[in-house]
Amino acid sequence: MMEQSDDSFRNQISALLRAINVTRFFKEDNVPCQIEEGLFLGSIAAANNKNALKSSNITHVLTVASSLRPAHTNDFVYKVIPGRWNCSFNDVNLVFYLE
């Protein structure tokens, strides 16, 4: 009986830790992540976070999505590449749009 109680407790703690990690991820999801000098990658929340973009000295935003409109057109230069919500980067030829 004690083993079942211990397993149940471990499962509850594990579920709680997963929930904390998910919460932390979503909280931090609105900040662009630098992947190379002068190159950042981020979610739609990061692309809409004007303060984070400005504090990172970002001047241009590349969006790969059909339905998302640029949020701060007076502050940044935007390039929008049509994409579907379920597409992967293998489905979109970025070079075609950048040349």
N, C-alpha and C. Protein backbone atom coordinates (compact mmCIF):
# COMPACT_ATOMS: atom_id res chain seq x y z
N MET A 1 0.82 -1.19 0.00
CA MET A 1 0.00 0.00 0.00
C MET A 1 0.87 1.26 0.00
N MET A 2 1.97 1.21 0.74
CA MET A 2 2.86 2.36 0.83
C MET A 2 3.53 2.65 -0.52
N GLU A 3 3.85 1.58 -1.27
CA GLU A 3 4.47 1.77 -2.58
C GLU A 3 3.53 2.51 -3.53
N GLN A 4 2.24 2.17 -3.50
CA GLN A 4 1.27 2.85 -4.35
C GLN A 4 1.17 4.32 -3.97
N SER A 5 1.21 4.59 -2.69
CA SER A 5 1.15 5.97 -2.22
C SER A 5 2.38 6.75 -2.68
N ASP A 6 3.55 6.13 -2.59
CA ASP A 6 4.79 6.77 -3.04
C ASP A 6 4.75 7.02 -4.55
N ASP A 7 4.28 6.04 -5.31
CA ASP A 7 4.17 6.21 -6.76
C ASP A 7 3.20 7.32 -7.12
N SER A 8 2.07 7.36 -6.41
CA SER A 8 1.08 8.40 -6.65
C SER A 8 1.68 9.78 -6.35
N PHE A 9 2.39 9.87 -5.26
CA PHE A 9 3.03 11.14 -4.88
C PHE A 9 4.07 11.55 -5.93
N ARG A 10 4.89 10.60 -6.38
CA ARG A 10 5.89 10.90 -7.42
C ARG A 10 5.22 11.36 -8.70
N ASN A 11 4.13 10.72 -9.08
CA ASN A 11 3.41 11.11 -10.30
C ASN A 11 2.84 12.52 -10.17
N GLN A 12 2.33 12.84 -9.00
CA GLN A 12 1.78 14.19 -8.79
C GLN A 12 2.89 15.23 -8.85
N ILE A 13 4.02 14.95 -8.23
CA ILE A 13 5.16 15.87 -8.27
C ILE A 13 5.66 16.03 -9.70
N SER A 14 5.74 14.93 -10.42
CA SER A 14 6.18 14.98 -11.82
C SER A 14 5.24 15.83 -12.67
N ALA A 15 3.94 15.66 -12.47
CA ALA A 15 2.95 16.45 -13.22
C ALA A 15 3.07 17.93 -12.87
N LEU A 16 3.30 18.22 -11.60
CA LEU A 16 3.47 19.61 -11.17
C LEU A 16 4.71 20.24 -11.80
N LEU A 17 5.81 19.51 -11.83
CA LEU A 17 7.04 20.03 -12.45
C LEU A 17 6.85 20.27 -13.94
N ARG A 18 6.13 19.38 -14.62
CA ARG A 18 5.85 19.59 -16.05
C ARG A 18 5.02 20.85 -16.25
N ALA A 19 4.02 21.05 -15.40
CA ALA A 19 3.17 22.25 -15.50
C ALA A 19 3.98 23.52 -15.26
N ILE A 20 4.89 23.48 -14.30
CA ILE A 20 5.76 24.64 -14.04
C ILE A 20 6.63 24.93 -15.25
N ASN A 21 7.19 23.90 -15.86
CA ASN A 21 8.05 24.10 -17.04
C ASN A 21 7.26 24.66 -18.21
N VAL A 22 6.03 24.17 -18.42
CA VAL A 22 5.20 24.69 -19.50
C VAL A 22 4.87 26.15 -19.25
N THR A 23 4.53 26.48 -18.01
CA THR A 23 4.22 27.87 -17.66
C THR A 23 5.43 28.76 -17.90
N ARG A 24 6.60 28.30 -17.48
CA ARG A 24 7.82 29.08 -17.69
C ARG A 24 8.08 29.29 -19.18
N PHE A 25 7.87 28.24 -19.98
CA PHE A 25 8.08 28.35 -21.42
C PHE A 25 7.18 29.41 -22.02
N PHE A 26 5.89 29.38 -21.69
CA PHE A 26 4.96 30.34 -22.26
C PHE A 26 5.24 31.75 -21.77
N LYS A 27 5.68 31.88 -20.55
CA LYS A 27 6.00 33.20 -20.02
C LYS A 27 7.20 33.80 -20.75
N GLU A 28 8.18 32.97 -21.07
CA GLU A 28 9.40 33.44 -21.73
C GLU A 28 9.30 33.40 -23.25
N ASP A 29 8.16 32.97 -23.76
CA ASP A 29 7.99 32.81 -25.20
C ASP A 29 7.86 34.14 -25.93
N ASN A 30 7.72 35.24 -25.21
CA ASN A 30 7.52 36.52 -25.88
C ASN A 30 8.82 37.30 -26.06
N VAL A 31 9.95 36.62 -25.93
CA VAL A 31 11.24 37.26 -26.10
C VAL A 31 11.99 36.57 -27.23
N PRO A 32 12.48 37.34 -28.22
CA PRO A 32 13.26 36.72 -29.30
C PRO A 32 14.56 36.13 -28.76
N CYS A 33 14.96 35.02 -29.33
CA CYS A 33 16.16 34.31 -28.89
C CYS A 33 17.27 34.51 -29.94
N GLN A 34 18.41 35.01 -29.49
CA GLN A 34 19.51 35.23 -30.43
C GLN A 34 20.14 33.89 -30.79
N ILE A 35 20.20 33.58 -32.09
CA ILE A 35 20.79 32.32 -32.53
C ILE A 35 22.13 32.53 -33.21
N GLU A 36 22.41 33.77 -33.56
CA GLU A 36 23.67 34.14 -34.19
C GLU A 36 23.78 35.66 -34.07
N GLU A 37 24.96 36.20 -34.18
CA GLU A 37 25.13 37.65 -34.10
C GLU A 37 24.21 38.34 -35.10
N GLY A 38 23.29 39.15 -34.59
CA GLY A 38 22.38 39.90 -35.45
C GLY A 38 21.21 39.11 -35.98
N LEU A 39 21.04 37.86 -35.55
CA LEU A 39 19.95 37.01 -36.04
C LEU A 39 19.20 36.41 -34.85
N PHE A 40 17.90 36.66 -34.81
CA PHE A 40 17.06 36.19 -33.72
C PHE A 40 15.95 35.31 -34.27
N LEU A 41 15.45 34.45 -33.42
CA LEU A 41 14.33 33.58 -33.78
C LEU A 41 13.32 33.68 -32.65
N GLY A 42 12.04 33.75 -33.01
CA GLY A 42 11.03 33.85 -31.96
C GLY A 42 9.65 33.48 -32.45
N SER A 43 8.77 33.43 -31.52
CA SER A 43 7.37 33.11 -31.78
C SER A 43 6.62 34.37 -32.22
N ILE A 44 5.35 34.21 -32.49
CA ILE A 44 4.52 35.37 -32.82
C ILE A 44 4.46 36.32 -31.63
N ALA A 45 4.48 35.78 -30.42
CA ALA A 45 4.49 36.64 -29.23
C ALA A 45 5.77 37.47 -29.19
N ALA A 46 6.88 36.89 -29.55
CA ALA A 46 8.14 37.63 -29.59
C ALA A 46 8.11 38.68 -30.69
N ALA A 47 7.54 38.35 -31.84
CA ALA A 47 7.47 39.30 -32.94
C ALA A 47 6.57 40.48 -32.63
N ASN A 48 5.64 40.29 -31.70
CA ASN A 48 4.73 41.37 -31.31
C ASN A 48 5.20 42.14 -30.08
N ASN A 49 6.30 41.72 -29.49
CA ASN A 49 6.82 42.35 -28.28
C ASN A 49 7.76 43.50 -28.67
N LYS A 50 7.18 44.65 -28.89
CA LYS A 50 7.93 45.81 -29.38
C LYS A 50 9.11 46.16 -28.47
N ASN A 51 8.91 46.14 -27.17
CA ASN A 51 9.99 46.48 -26.24
C ASN A 51 11.17 45.51 -26.35
N ALA A 52 10.87 44.21 -26.45
CA ALA A 52 11.94 43.21 -26.57
C ALA A 52 12.67 43.35 -27.90
N LEU A 53 11.94 43.62 -28.97
CA LEU A 53 12.56 43.81 -30.28
C LEU A 53 13.50 45.02 -30.25
N LYS A 54 13.01 46.11 -29.71
CA LYS A 54 13.82 47.33 -29.66
C LYS A 54 15.04 47.15 -28.76
N SER A 55 14.86 46.51 -27.61
CA SER A 55 15.99 46.34 -26.68
C SER A 55 17.05 45.39 -27.25
N SER A 56 16.66 44.55 -28.20
CA SER A 56 17.61 43.66 -28.87
C SER A 56 18.17 44.28 -30.15
N ASN A 57 17.82 45.54 -30.40
CA ASN A 57 18.25 46.27 -31.61
C ASN A 57 17.83 45.57 -32.90
N ILE A 58 16.66 44.95 -32.87
CA ILE A 58 16.12 44.30 -34.06
C ILE A 58 15.45 45.37 -34.92
N THR A 59 15.75 45.36 -36.21
CA THR A 59 15.21 46.35 -37.13
C THR A 59 14.30 45.74 -38.18
N HIS A 60 14.49 44.44 -38.46
CA HIS A 60 13.73 43.75 -39.50
C HIS A 60 13.09 42.49 -38.91
N VAL A 61 11.86 42.21 -39.34
CA VAL A 61 11.15 41.03 -38.86
C VAL A 61 10.70 40.23 -40.08
N LEU A 62 11.07 38.95 -40.10
CA LEU A 62 10.64 38.02 -41.15
C LEU A 62 9.57 37.13 -40.55
N THR A 63 8.39 37.14 -41.17
CA THR A 63 7.27 36.32 -40.70
C THR A 63 6.95 35.27 -41.75
N VAL A 64 6.90 34.01 -41.32
CA VAL A 64 6.50 32.92 -42.22
C VAL A 64 5.12 32.47 -41.77
N ALA A 65 4.10 33.15 -42.29
CA ALA A 65 2.71 32.84 -41.96
C ALA A 65 1.81 33.69 -42.84
N SER A 66 0.75 33.13 -43.29
CA SER A 66 -0.16 33.86 -44.18
C SER A 66 -1.10 34.80 -43.43
N SER A 67 -1.51 34.40 -42.26
CA SER A 67 -2.59 35.13 -41.60
C SER A 67 -2.11 36.13 -40.55
N LEU A 68 -0.82 36.29 -40.38
CA LEU A 68 -0.32 37.20 -39.35
C LEU A 68 0.15 38.50 -39.98
N ARG A 69 -0.47 39.58 -39.56
CA ARG A 69 -0.10 40.89 -40.07
C ARG A 69 1.00 41.49 -39.20
N PRO A 70 1.90 42.25 -39.81
CA PRO A 70 2.94 42.93 -39.02
C PRO A 70 2.32 43.83 -37.96
N ALA A 71 2.88 43.79 -36.76
CA ALA A 71 2.28 44.49 -35.63
C ALA A 71 2.75 45.94 -35.49
N HIS A 72 4.00 46.22 -35.83
CA HIS A 72 4.57 47.55 -35.57
C HIS A 72 5.25 48.10 -36.83
N THR A 73 4.45 48.38 -37.84
CA THR A 73 4.99 48.77 -39.14
C THR A 73 5.71 50.11 -39.12
N ASN A 74 5.45 50.94 -38.14
CA ASN A 74 6.15 52.23 -38.05
C ASN A 74 7.52 52.09 -37.38
N ASP A 75 7.77 50.94 -36.77
CA ASP A 75 9.00 50.76 -36.01
C ASP A 75 9.98 49.75 -36.61
N PHE A 76 9.49 48.85 -37.46
CA PHE A 76 10.32 47.79 -38.00
C PHE A 76 10.02 47.57 -39.48
N VAL A 77 10.98 47.00 -40.19
CA VAL A 77 10.79 46.61 -41.58
C VAL A 77 10.35 45.15 -41.58
N TYR A 78 9.27 44.86 -42.29
CA TYR A 78 8.71 43.52 -42.29
C TYR A 78 8.82 42.88 -43.67
N LYS A 79 9.04 41.59 -43.67
CA LYS A 79 8.94 40.75 -44.85
C LYS A 79 8.05 39.58 -44.45
N VAL A 80 6.96 39.37 -45.18
CA VAL A 80 6.03 38.29 -44.86
C VAL A 80 6.09 37.24 -45.96
N ILE A 81 6.35 36.01 -45.56
CA ILE A 81 6.39 34.88 -46.48
C ILE A 81 5.17 34.03 -46.19
N PRO A 82 4.33 33.79 -47.19
CA PRO A 82 3.13 32.98 -46.96
C PRO A 82 3.49 31.59 -46.45
N GLY A 83 2.75 31.13 -45.50
CA GLY A 83 2.93 29.78 -44.96
C GLY A 83 1.64 29.32 -44.33
N ARG A 84 1.56 28.05 -44.06
CA ARG A 84 0.39 27.49 -43.38
C ARG A 84 0.77 27.20 -41.94
N TRP A 85 -0.23 27.17 -41.05
CA TRP A 85 0.04 26.93 -39.64
C TRP A 85 0.65 25.56 -39.39
N ASN A 86 0.42 24.62 -40.30
CA ASN A 86 0.93 23.27 -40.08
C ASN A 86 2.11 22.93 -40.99
N CYS A 87 2.72 23.94 -41.59
CA CYS A 87 3.85 23.66 -42.48
C CYS A 87 5.14 23.62 -41.67
N SER A 88 6.11 22.92 -42.20
CA SER A 88 7.43 22.93 -41.59
C SER A 88 8.33 23.77 -42.48
N PHE A 89 9.51 24.08 -41.99
CA PHE A 89 10.42 24.87 -42.81
C PHE A 89 10.84 24.11 -44.06
N ASN A 90 10.70 22.80 -44.07
CA ASN A 90 10.99 22.03 -45.27
C ASN A 90 9.95 22.29 -46.35
N ASP A 91 8.76 22.77 -45.96
CA ASP A 91 7.69 23.04 -46.90
C ASP A 91 7.80 24.42 -47.55
N VAL A 92 8.61 25.29 -46.97
CA VAL A 92 8.71 26.67 -47.46
C VAL A 92 10.13 26.93 -47.94
N ASN A 93 10.26 27.32 -49.21
CA ASN A 93 11.57 27.64 -49.77
C ASN A 93 11.87 29.11 -49.49
N LEU A 94 12.55 29.40 -48.40
CA LEU A 94 12.82 30.77 -48.00
C LEU A 94 13.70 31.51 -49.00
N VAL A 95 14.63 30.81 -49.62
CA VAL A 95 15.54 31.46 -50.57
C VAL A 95 14.77 32.07 -51.72
N PHE A 96 13.71 31.44 -52.16
CA PHE A 96 12.88 31.95 -53.24
C PHE A 96 12.37 33.35 -52.90
N TYR A 97 12.01 33.59 -51.65
CA TYR A 97 11.43 34.87 -51.24
C TYR A 97 12.48 35.91 -50.92
N LEU A 98 13.70 35.51 -50.66
CA LEU A 98 14.72 36.45 -50.21
C LEU A 98 15.61 36.95 -51.33
N GLU A 99 15.55 36.34 -52.48
CA GLU A 99 16.41 36.80 -53.58
C GLU A 99 15.78 37.91 -54.37
